[in-house]
Amino acid sequence: MNKKTFFISLSGFLALALSIFFFMEIFLIKYFNEKFYKIPNLKSYTLKEAEDILKKNELKIEKIGDEFSALPIGEIFLQEPEANSIVKKNRNIKVWVSKGKALVEVPNLIGMNYLDAKSIAEQKGLIIDKVITVKAQGNYNSVLATDPNTDTLLTRGERISFLVNGAEQVFEIKMPDLIGLSFDKALDILTKNSLIIGNIEFSSIPGVEKNVIIKSSINADEKIPAGSTVDLVINN
């Protein structure tokens, strides 16, 4: 076979192969509905906008339901199959439409045992953030306050913090008599009795030694919880 005959035969073979290929494509499209499309991303579109998009691609839309999500009300937040999947024409694309963010109301957890309060908060979809313990009167491990406060509206997944009573037992102390003592001596006595100095003011009383305590916010011998704050007035 000479070269000319070979090239003629090769050209004829290629032409036949192309004819068969195009014939098969037409045959498949016509008889087996084999027309394929890449699914667009429908998330953040409204149902009406998504319908218009899919019409151009010979695809259909099927709304499955409404659920809470991070997207605004009325926008698609989930689709099946996912975007960029390849499907035949006339395929139903299932979508779920957002009802907006799910709001929960912070319940009244004050006075409740922290473990019970924590469980309730988590059941409402809230995340526990900070837990601060202080010594206070009342039951050990009871909730003294929450942040945000009771009745505040939050979205699921937001954080809530607790102030919890960490004192297993609150001891009562008899207030020591500080009148006439120097500030340093009064500070030493208060510290030994688990009491805390609060505000300090200055006043002047003639005939009284300077720099001594002339008044305290709690009377001597009064019973008070350990950790209480005592305000003092010093003579200057």
C-alpha atoms as a PDB file:
ATOM      1  CA  MET A   1       0.000   0.000   0.000  1.00  0.00           C
ATOM      2  CA  ASN A   2       1.518   3.312  -0.986  1.00  0.00           C
ATOM      3  CA  LYS A   3       1.421   6.429   1.192  1.00  0.00           C
ATOM      4  CA  LYS A   4      -1.404   8.061  -0.686  1.00  0.00           C
ATOM      5  CA  THR A   5      -3.620   5.043  -0.349  1.00  0.00           C
ATOM      6  CA  PHE A   6      -2.695   4.779   3.367  1.00  0.00           C
ATOM      7  CA  PHE A   7      -3.663   8.415   4.104  1.00  0.00           C
ATOM      8  CA  ILE A   8      -6.940   8.032   2.202  1.00  0.00           C
ATOM      9  CA  SER A   9      -7.768   4.927   4.222  1.00  0.00           C
ATOM     10  CA  LEU A  10      -6.801   6.632   7.491  1.00  0.00           C
ATOM     11  CA  SER A  11      -8.928   9.672   6.644  1.00  0.00           C
ATOM     12  CA  GLY A  12     -11.849   7.471   5.827  1.00  0.00           C
ATOM     13  CA  PHE A  13     -11.455   5.570   9.084  1.00  0.00           C
ATOM     14  CA  LEU A  14     -11.326   8.792  11.142  1.00  0.00           C
ATOM     15  CA  ALA A  15     -14.369  10.178   9.353  1.00  0.00           C
ATOM     16  CA  LEU A  16     -16.242   6.949  10.056  1.00  0.00           C
ATOM     17  CA  ALA A  17     -15.217   6.998  13.722  1.00  0.00           C
ATOM     18  CA  LEU A  18     -16.366  10.609  14.135  1.00  0.00           C
ATOM     19  CA  SER A  19     -19.649   9.847  12.423  1.00  0.00           C
ATOM     20  CA  ILE A  20     -20.245   6.905  14.760  1.00  0.00           C
ATOM     21  CA  PHE A  21     -19.347   9.056  17.806  1.00  0.00           C
ATOM     22  CA  PHE A  22     -21.750  11.876  16.898  1.00  0.00           C
ATOM     23  CA  PHE A  23     -24.430   9.360  15.956  1.00  0.00           C
ATOM     24  CA  MET A  24     -24.112   7.674  19.361  1.00  0.00           C
ATOM     25  CA  GLU A  25     -24.275  11.022  21.170  1.00  0.00           C
ATOM     26  CA  ILE A  26     -27.440  11.981  19.335  1.00  0.00           C
ATOM     27  CA  PHE A  27     -28.856   8.515  19.915  1.00  0.00           C
ATOM     28  CA  LEU A  28     -28.168   8.668  23.669  1.00  0.00           C
ATOM     29  CA  ILE A  29     -29.596  12.156  24.041  1.00  0.00           C
ATOM     30  CA  LYS A  30     -32.692  11.300  22.062  1.00  0.00           C
ATOM     31  CA  TYR A  31     -33.476   7.856  23.427  1.00  0.00           C
ATOM     32  CA  PHE A  32     -31.884   7.701  26.844  1.00  0.00           C
ATOM     33  CA  ASN A  33     -32.210  11.338  27.972  1.00  0.00           C
ATOM     34  CA  GLU A  34     -28.443  11.423  28.597  1.00  0.00           C
ATOM     35  CA  LYS A  35     -28.038  15.183  28.898  1.00  0.00           C
ATOM     36  CA  PHE A  36     -25.868  16.191  31.858  1.00  0.00           C
ATOM     37  CA  TYR A  37     -25.542  19.379  33.866  1.00  0.00           C
ATOM     38  CA  LYS A  38     -23.350  20.609  36.696  1.00  0.00           C
ATOM     39  CA  ILE A  39     -25.497  21.591  39.683  1.00  0.00           C
ATOM     40  CA  PRO A  40     -25.050  25.264  40.667  1.00  0.00           C
ATOM     41  CA  ASN A  41     -24.608  26.414  44.262  1.00  0.00           C
ATOM     42  CA  LEU A  42     -28.095  27.377  45.463  1.00  0.00           C
ATOM     43  CA  LYS A  43     -27.171  28.301  49.030  1.00  0.00           C
ATOM     44  CA  SER A  44     -28.142  31.866  50.085  1.00  0.00           C
ATOM     45  CA  TYR A  45     -30.668  32.102  47.243  1.00  0.00           C
ATOM     46  CA  THR A  46     -34.415  32.279  47.835  1.00  0.00           C
ATOM     47  CA  LEU A  47     -36.605  29.452  46.538  1.00  0.00           C
ATOM     48  CA  LYS A  48     -37.877  31.614  43.655  1.00  0.00           C
ATOM     49  CA  GLU A  49     -34.336  32.646  42.649  1.00  0.00           C
ATOM     50  CA  ALA A  50     -33.208  29.008  42.750  1.00  0.00           C
ATOM     51  CA  GLU A  51     -36.148  27.927  40.544  1.00  0.00           C
ATOM     52  CA  ASP A  52     -35.156  30.492  37.919  1.00  0.00           C
ATOM     53  CA  ILE A  53     -31.525  29.312  38.009  1.00  0.00           C
ATOM     54  CA  LEU A  54     -32.429  25.634  37.619  1.00  0.00           C
ATOM     55  CA  LYS A  55     -34.872  26.248  34.743  1.00  0.00           C
ATOM     56  CA  LYS A  56     -31.958  27.386  32.602  1.00  0.00           C
ATOM     57  CA  ASN A  57     -30.182  24.098  33.353  1.00  0.00           C
ATOM     58  CA  GLU A  58     -33.230  21.872  32.741  1.00  0.00           C
ATOM     59  CA  LEU A  59     -33.249  20.872  36.409  1.00  0.00           C
ATOM     60  CA  LYS A  60     -36.100  20.889  38.920  1.00  0.00           C
ATOM     61  CA  ILE A  61     -36.280  21.966  42.547  1.00  0.00           C
ATOM     62  CA  GLU A  62     -37.960  20.210  45.468  1.00  0.00           C
ATOM     63  CA  LYS A  63     -38.356  21.941  48.811  1.00  0.00           C
ATOM     64  CA  ILE A  64     -37.981  19.389  51.621  1.00  0.00           C
ATOM     65  CA  GLY A  65     -38.595  21.610  54.633  1.00  0.00           C
ATOM     66  CA  ASP A  66     -37.740  24.623  56.785  1.00  0.00           C
ATOM     67  CA  GLU A  67     -35.114  24.520  59.535  1.00  0.00           C
ATOM     68  CA  PHE A  68     -33.218  26.972  61.748  1.00  0.00           C
ATOM     69  CA  SER A  69     -29.801  27.976  60.406  1.00  0.00           C
ATOM     70  CA  ALA A  70     -27.260  30.793  60.405  1.00  0.00           C
ATOM     71  CA  LEU A  71     -28.663  32.177  57.122  1.00  0.00           C
ATOM     72  CA  PRO A  72     -31.501  34.746  56.997  1.00  0.00           C
ATOM     73  CA  ILE A  73     -35.136  33.634  56.829  1.00  0.00           C
ATOM     74  CA  GLY A  74     -36.181  32.394  53.377  1.00  0.00           C
ATOM     75  CA  GLU A  75     -32.702  31.552  52.051  1.00  0.00           C
ATOM     76  CA  ILE A  76     -31.607  28.037  51.066  1.00  0.00           C
ATOM     77  CA  PHE A  77     -29.013  26.690  53.504  1.00  0.00           C
ATOM     78  CA  LEU A  78     -28.751  23.040  52.362  1.00  0.00           C
ATOM     79  CA  GLN A  79     -29.073  21.243  49.032  1.00  0.00           C
ATOM     80  CA  GLU A  80     -28.894  17.652  47.820  1.00  0.00           C
ATOM     81  CA  PRO A  81     -26.969  16.812  45.663  1.00  0.00           C
ATOM     82  CA  GLU A  82     -24.255  19.306  46.544  1.00  0.00           C
ATOM     83  CA  ALA A  83     -23.093  22.058  44.197  1.00  0.00           C
ATOM     84  CA  ASN A  84     -20.877  20.986  41.259  1.00  0.00           C
ATOM     85  CA  SER A  85     -22.316  17.454  41.200  1.00  0.00           C
ATOM     86  CA  ILE A  86     -23.022  16.147  37.671  1.00  0.00           C
ATOM     87  CA  VAL A  87     -26.600  14.964  37.063  1.00  0.00           C
ATOM     88  CA  LYS A  88     -28.961  14.264  34.181  1.00  0.00           C
ATOM     89  CA  LYS A  89     -31.463  16.857  33.077  1.00  0.00           C
ATOM     90  CA  ASN A  90     -34.826  16.966  34.843  1.00  0.00           C
ATOM     91  CA  ARG A  91     -33.173  15.809  38.077  1.00  0.00           C
ATOM     92  CA  ASN A  92     -34.904  17.010  41.263  1.00  0.00           C
ATOM     93  CA  ILE A  93     -32.593  19.097  43.457  1.00  0.00           C
ATOM     94  CA  LYS A  94     -33.733  18.888  47.088  1.00  0.00           C
ATOM     95  CA  VAL A  95     -33.385  22.041  49.165  1.00  0.00           C
ATOM     96  CA  TRP A  96     -33.978  23.134  52.754  1.00  0.00           C
ATOM     97  CA  VAL A  97     -34.985  26.723  53.500  1.00  0.00           C
ATOM     98  CA  SER A  98     -33.762  28.691  56.543  1.00  0.00           C
ATOM     99  CA  LYS A  99     -36.118  29.789  59.317  1.00  0.00           C
ATOM    100  CA  GLY A 100     -33.396  32.121  60.617  1.00  0.00           C
ATOM    101  CA  LYS A 101     -31.371  31.733  63.778  1.00  0.00           C
ATOM    102  CA  ALA A 102     -32.864  29.679  66.605  1.00  0.00           C
ATOM    103  CA  LEU A 103     -33.275  31.926  69.645  1.00  0.00           C
ATOM    104  CA  VAL A 104     -33.217  30.613  73.196  1.00  0.00           C
ATOM    105  CA  GLU A 105     -34.076  32.487  76.373  1.00  0.00           C
ATOM    106  CA  VAL A 106     -31.601  32.316  79.245  1.00  0.00           C
ATOM    107  CA  PRO A 107     -33.562  30.536  82.020  1.00  0.00           C
ATOM    108  CA  ASN A 108     -33.453  31.552  85.673  1.00  0.00           C
ATOM    109  CA  LEU A 109     -30.527  29.489  86.974  1.00  0.00           C
ATOM    110  CA  ILE A 110     -29.836  31.586  90.095  1.00  0.00           C
ATOM    111  CA  GLY A 111     -29.681  29.499  93.261  1.00  0.00           C
ATOM    112  CA  MET A 112     -29.467  26.242  91.319  1.00  0.00           C
ATOM    113  CA  ASN A 113     -26.590  23.798  91.753  1.00  0.00           C
ATOM    114  CA  TYR A 114     -24.002  24.639  89.091  1.00  0.00           C
ATOM    115  CA  LEU A 115     -23.951  21.112  87.608  1.00  0.00           C
ATOM    116  CA  ASP A 116     -27.736  21.182  87.099  1.00  0.00           C
ATOM    117  CA  ALA A 117     -27.605  24.715  85.676  1.00  0.00           C
ATOM    118  CA  LYS A 118     -24.785  23.727  83.312  1.00  0.00           C
ATOM    119  CA  SER A 119     -26.816  20.769  82.031  1.00  0.00           C
ATOM    120  CA  ILE A 120     -29.879  22.967  81.365  1.00  0.00           C
ATOM    121  CA  ALA A 121     -27.795  25.582  79.527  1.00  0.00           C
ATOM    122  CA  GLU A 122     -26.175  22.942  77.319  1.00  0.00           C
ATOM    123  CA  GLN A 123     -29.545  21.353  76.536  1.00  0.00           C
ATOM    124  CA  LYS A 124     -30.639  24.753  75.195  1.00  0.00           C
ATOM    125  CA  GLY A 125     -27.626  24.764  72.871  1.00  0.00           C
ATOM    126  CA  LEU A 126     -25.515  27.248  74.849  1.00  0.00           C
ATOM    127  CA  ILE A 127     -21.763  26.863  75.321  1.00  0.00           C
ATOM    128  CA  ILE A 128     -20.286  27.207  78.820  1.00  0.00           C
ATOM    129  CA  ASP A 129     -17.658  29.954  78.846  1.00  0.00           C
ATOM    130  CA  LYS A 130     -16.160  31.223  82.118  1.00  0.00           C
ATOM    131  CA  VAL A 131     -16.971  29.786  85.543  1.00  0.00           C
ATOM    132  CA  ILE A 132     -15.861  32.121  88.342  1.00  0.00           C
ATOM    133  CA  THR A 133     -16.041  30.987  91.975  1.00  0.00           C
ATOM    134  CA  VAL A 134     -16.259  33.299  94.983  1.00  0.00           C
ATOM    135  CA  LYS A 135     -16.875  32.808  98.686  1.00  0.00           C
ATOM    136  CA  ALA A 136     -20.412  33.809  99.581  1.00  0.00           C
ATOM    137  CA  GLN A 137     -23.296  32.873 101.821  1.00  0.00           C
ATOM    138  CA  GLY A 138     -25.606  30.138 100.627  1.00  0.00           C
ATOM    139  CA  ASN A 139     -25.234  26.593  99.369  1.00  0.00           C
ATOM    140  CA  TYR A 140     -21.900  25.377  98.108  1.00  0.00           C
ATOM    141  CA  ASN A 141     -21.624  25.282  94.296  1.00  0.00           C
ATOM    142  CA  SER A 142     -24.852  27.247  93.812  1.00  0.00           C
ATOM    143  CA  VAL A 143     -25.178  29.747  90.945  1.00  0.00           C
ATOM    144  CA  LEU A 144     -24.978  33.366  92.119  1.00  0.00           C
ATOM    145  CA  ALA A 145     -25.295  35.049  88.714  1.00  0.00           C
ATOM    146  CA  THR A 146     -25.089  34.410  84.967  1.00  0.00           C
ATOM    147  CA  ASP A 147     -23.773  36.469  82.089  1.00  0.00           C
ATOM    148  CA  PRO A 148     -25.947  37.159  80.087  1.00  0.00           C
ATOM    149  CA  ASN A 149     -28.718  37.606  82.641  1.00  0.00           C
ATOM    150  CA  THR A 150     -31.981  35.680  82.968  1.00  0.00           C
ATOM    151  CA  ASP A 151     -34.504  36.219  80.102  1.00  0.00           C
ATOM    152  CA  THR A 152     -31.827  37.417  77.663  1.00  0.00           C
ATOM    153  CA  LEU A 153     -32.375  36.086  74.123  1.00  0.00           C
ATOM    154  CA  LEU A 154     -29.384  34.253  72.623  1.00  0.00           C
ATOM    155  CA  THR A 155     -28.814  32.214  69.494  1.00  0.00           C
ATOM    156  CA  ARG A 156     -27.906  28.560  69.861  1.00  0.00           C
ATOM    157  CA  GLY A 157     -24.126  28.204  70.074  1.00  0.00           C
ATOM    158  CA  GLU A 158     -23.559  31.443  71.989  1.00  0.00           C
ATOM    159  CA  ARG A 159     -21.635  31.448  75.273  1.00  0.00           C
ATOM    160  CA  ILE A 160     -22.819  31.841  78.862  1.00  0.00           C
ATOM    161  CA  SER A 161     -20.683  32.436  81.980  1.00  0.00           C
ATOM    162  CA  PHE A 162     -21.422  31.588  85.614  1.00  0.00           C
ATOM    163  CA  LEU A 163     -20.602  33.106  88.996  1.00  0.00           C
ATOM    164  CA  VAL A 164     -20.641  30.222  91.476  1.00  0.00           C
ATOM    165  CA  ASN A 165     -20.425  30.008  95.263  1.00  0.00           C
ATOM    166  CA  GLY A 166     -17.162  28.203  95.964  1.00  0.00           C
ATOM    167  CA  ALA A 167     -17.328  28.316  99.770  1.00  0.00           C
ATOM    168  CA  GLU A 168     -18.215  24.936 101.251  1.00  0.00           C
ATOM    169  CA  GLN A 169     -19.100  26.612 104.542  1.00  0.00           C
ATOM    170  CA  VAL A 170     -19.351  30.300 105.420  1.00  0.00           C
ATOM    171  CA  PHE A 171     -17.846  31.058 108.828  1.00  0.00           C
ATOM    172  CA  GLU A 172     -19.125  33.887 110.959  1.00  0.00           C
ATOM    173  CA  ILE A 173     -16.635  36.207 112.631  1.00  0.00           C
ATOM    174  CA  LYS A 174     -17.071  38.633 115.507  1.00  0.00           C
ATOM    175  CA  MET A 175     -16.097  42.082 114.297  1.00  0.00           C
ATOM    176  CA  PRO A 176     -12.952  43.186 116.171  1.00  0.00           C
ATOM    177  CA  ASP A 177     -12.783  46.597 117.881  1.00  0.00           C
ATOM    178  CA  LEU A 178     -10.476  48.773 115.750  1.00  0.00           C
ATOM    179  CA  ILE A 179     -11.220  52.202 117.256  1.00  0.00           C
ATOM    180  CA  GLY A 180      -8.043  53.942 118.399  1.00  0.00           C
ATOM    181  CA  LEU A 181      -5.719  51.529 116.574  1.00  0.00           C
ATOM    182  CA  SER A 182      -3.228  52.548 113.922  1.00  0.00           C
ATOM    183  CA  PHE A 183      -4.045  51.682 110.339  1.00  0.00           C
ATOM    184  CA  ASP A 184      -1.256  49.064 110.167  1.00  0.00           C
ATOM    185  CA  LYS A 185      -2.467  47.370 113.356  1.00  0.00           C
ATOM    186  CA  ALA A 186      -6.093  47.412 112.131  1.00  0.00           C
ATOM    187  CA  LEU A 187      -5.041  45.925 108.798  1.00  0.00           C
ATOM    188  CA  ASP A 188      -3.186  43.119 110.586  1.00  0.00           C
ATOM    189  CA  ILE A 189      -6.217  42.277 112.759  1.00  0.00           C
ATOM    190  CA  LEU A 190      -8.663  42.316 109.833  1.00  0.00           C
ATOM    191  CA  THR A 191      -6.407  40.068 107.754  1.00  0.00           C
ATOM    192  CA  LYS A 192      -6.076  37.516 110.574  1.00  0.00           C
ATOM    193  CA  ASN A 193      -9.897  37.466 110.881  1.00  0.00           C
ATOM    194  CA  SER A 194     -10.427  36.905 107.117  1.00  0.00           C
ATOM    195  CA  LEU A 195     -11.916  40.371 106.682  1.00  0.00           C
ATOM    196  CA  ILE A 196     -11.176  42.823 103.872  1.00  0.00           C
ATOM    197  CA  ILE A 197     -10.570  46.565 104.029  1.00  0.00           C
ATOM    198  CA  GLY A 198     -12.975  48.478 101.819  1.00  0.00           C
ATOM    199  CA  ASN A 199     -13.157  52.264 101.382  1.00  0.00           C
ATOM    200  CA  ILE A 200     -10.902  54.478 103.486  1.00  0.00           C
ATOM    201  CA  GLU A 201     -11.918  58.037 104.381  1.00  0.00           C
ATOM    202  CA  PHE A 202     -10.193  60.734 106.423  1.00  0.00           C
ATOM    203  CA  SER A 203     -11.635  63.058 109.025  1.00  0.00           C
ATOM    204  CA  SER A 204     -10.287  65.344 111.716  1.00  0.00           C
ATOM    205  CA  ILE A 205     -11.296  65.230 115.396  1.00  0.00           C
ATOM    206  CA  PRO A 206      -9.423  67.670 117.692  1.00  0.00           C
ATOM    207  CA  GLY A 207      -7.704  66.066 120.675  1.00  0.00           C
ATOM    208  CA  VAL A 208      -7.593  62.602 119.064  1.00  0.00           C
ATOM    209  CA  GLU A 209      -4.313  61.034 118.040  1.00  0.00           C
ATOM    210  CA  LYS A 210      -3.645  61.316 114.323  1.00  0.00           C
ATOM    211  CA  ASN A 211      -3.584  58.359 111.951  1.00  0.00           C
ATOM    212  CA  VAL A 212      -5.772  56.125 114.122  1.00  0.00           C
ATOM    213  CA  ILE A 213      -9.098  54.512 113.316  1.00  0.00           C
ATOM    214  CA  ILE A 214     -12.022  56.619 114.552  1.00  0.00           C
ATOM    215  CA  LYS A 215     -14.875  54.749 112.839  1.00  0.00           C
ATOM    216  CA  SER A 216     -15.645  51.469 111.032  1.00  0.00           C
ATOM    217  CA  SER A 217     -18.639  50.562 108.885  1.00  0.00           C
ATOM    218  CA  ILE A 218     -19.352  47.503 111.094  1.00  0.00           C
ATOM    219  CA  ASN A 219     -19.759  47.813 114.853  1.00  0.00           C
ATOM    220  CA  ALA A 220     -17.437  45.949 117.184  1.00  0.00           C
ATOM    221  CA  ASP A 221     -18.658  42.474 118.294  1.00  0.00           C
ATOM    222  CA  GLU A 222     -21.194  42.251 115.456  1.00  0.00           C
ATOM    223  CA  LYS A 223     -21.239  38.794 113.804  1.00  0.00           C
ATOM    224  CA  ILE A 224     -20.422  38.902 110.095  1.00  0.00           C
ATOM    225  CA  PRO A 225     -19.417  36.345 107.406  1.00  0.00           C
ATOM    226  CA  ALA A 226     -15.742  35.747 106.769  1.00  0.00           C
ATOM    227  CA  GLY A 227     -14.663  37.678 103.689  1.00  0.00           C
ATOM    228  CA  SER A 228     -16.838  40.698 104.495  1.00  0.00           C
ATOM    229  CA  THR A 229     -15.612  44.180 103.567  1.00  0.00           C
ATOM    230  CA  VAL A 230     -15.055  46.802 106.276  1.00  0.00           C
ATOM    231  CA  ASP A 231     -14.883  50.531 105.510  1.00  0.00           C
ATOM    232  CA  LEU A 232     -12.696  52.681 107.782  1.00  0.00           C
ATOM    233  CA  VAL A 233     -12.388  56.361 108.763  1.00  0.00           C
ATOM    234  CA  ILE A 234      -8.931  57.563 109.847  1.00  0.00           C
ATOM    235  CA  ASN A 235      -8.219  60.692 111.878  1.00  0.00           C
ATOM    236  CA  ASN A 236      -5.817  63.062 110.164  1.00  0.00           C
END
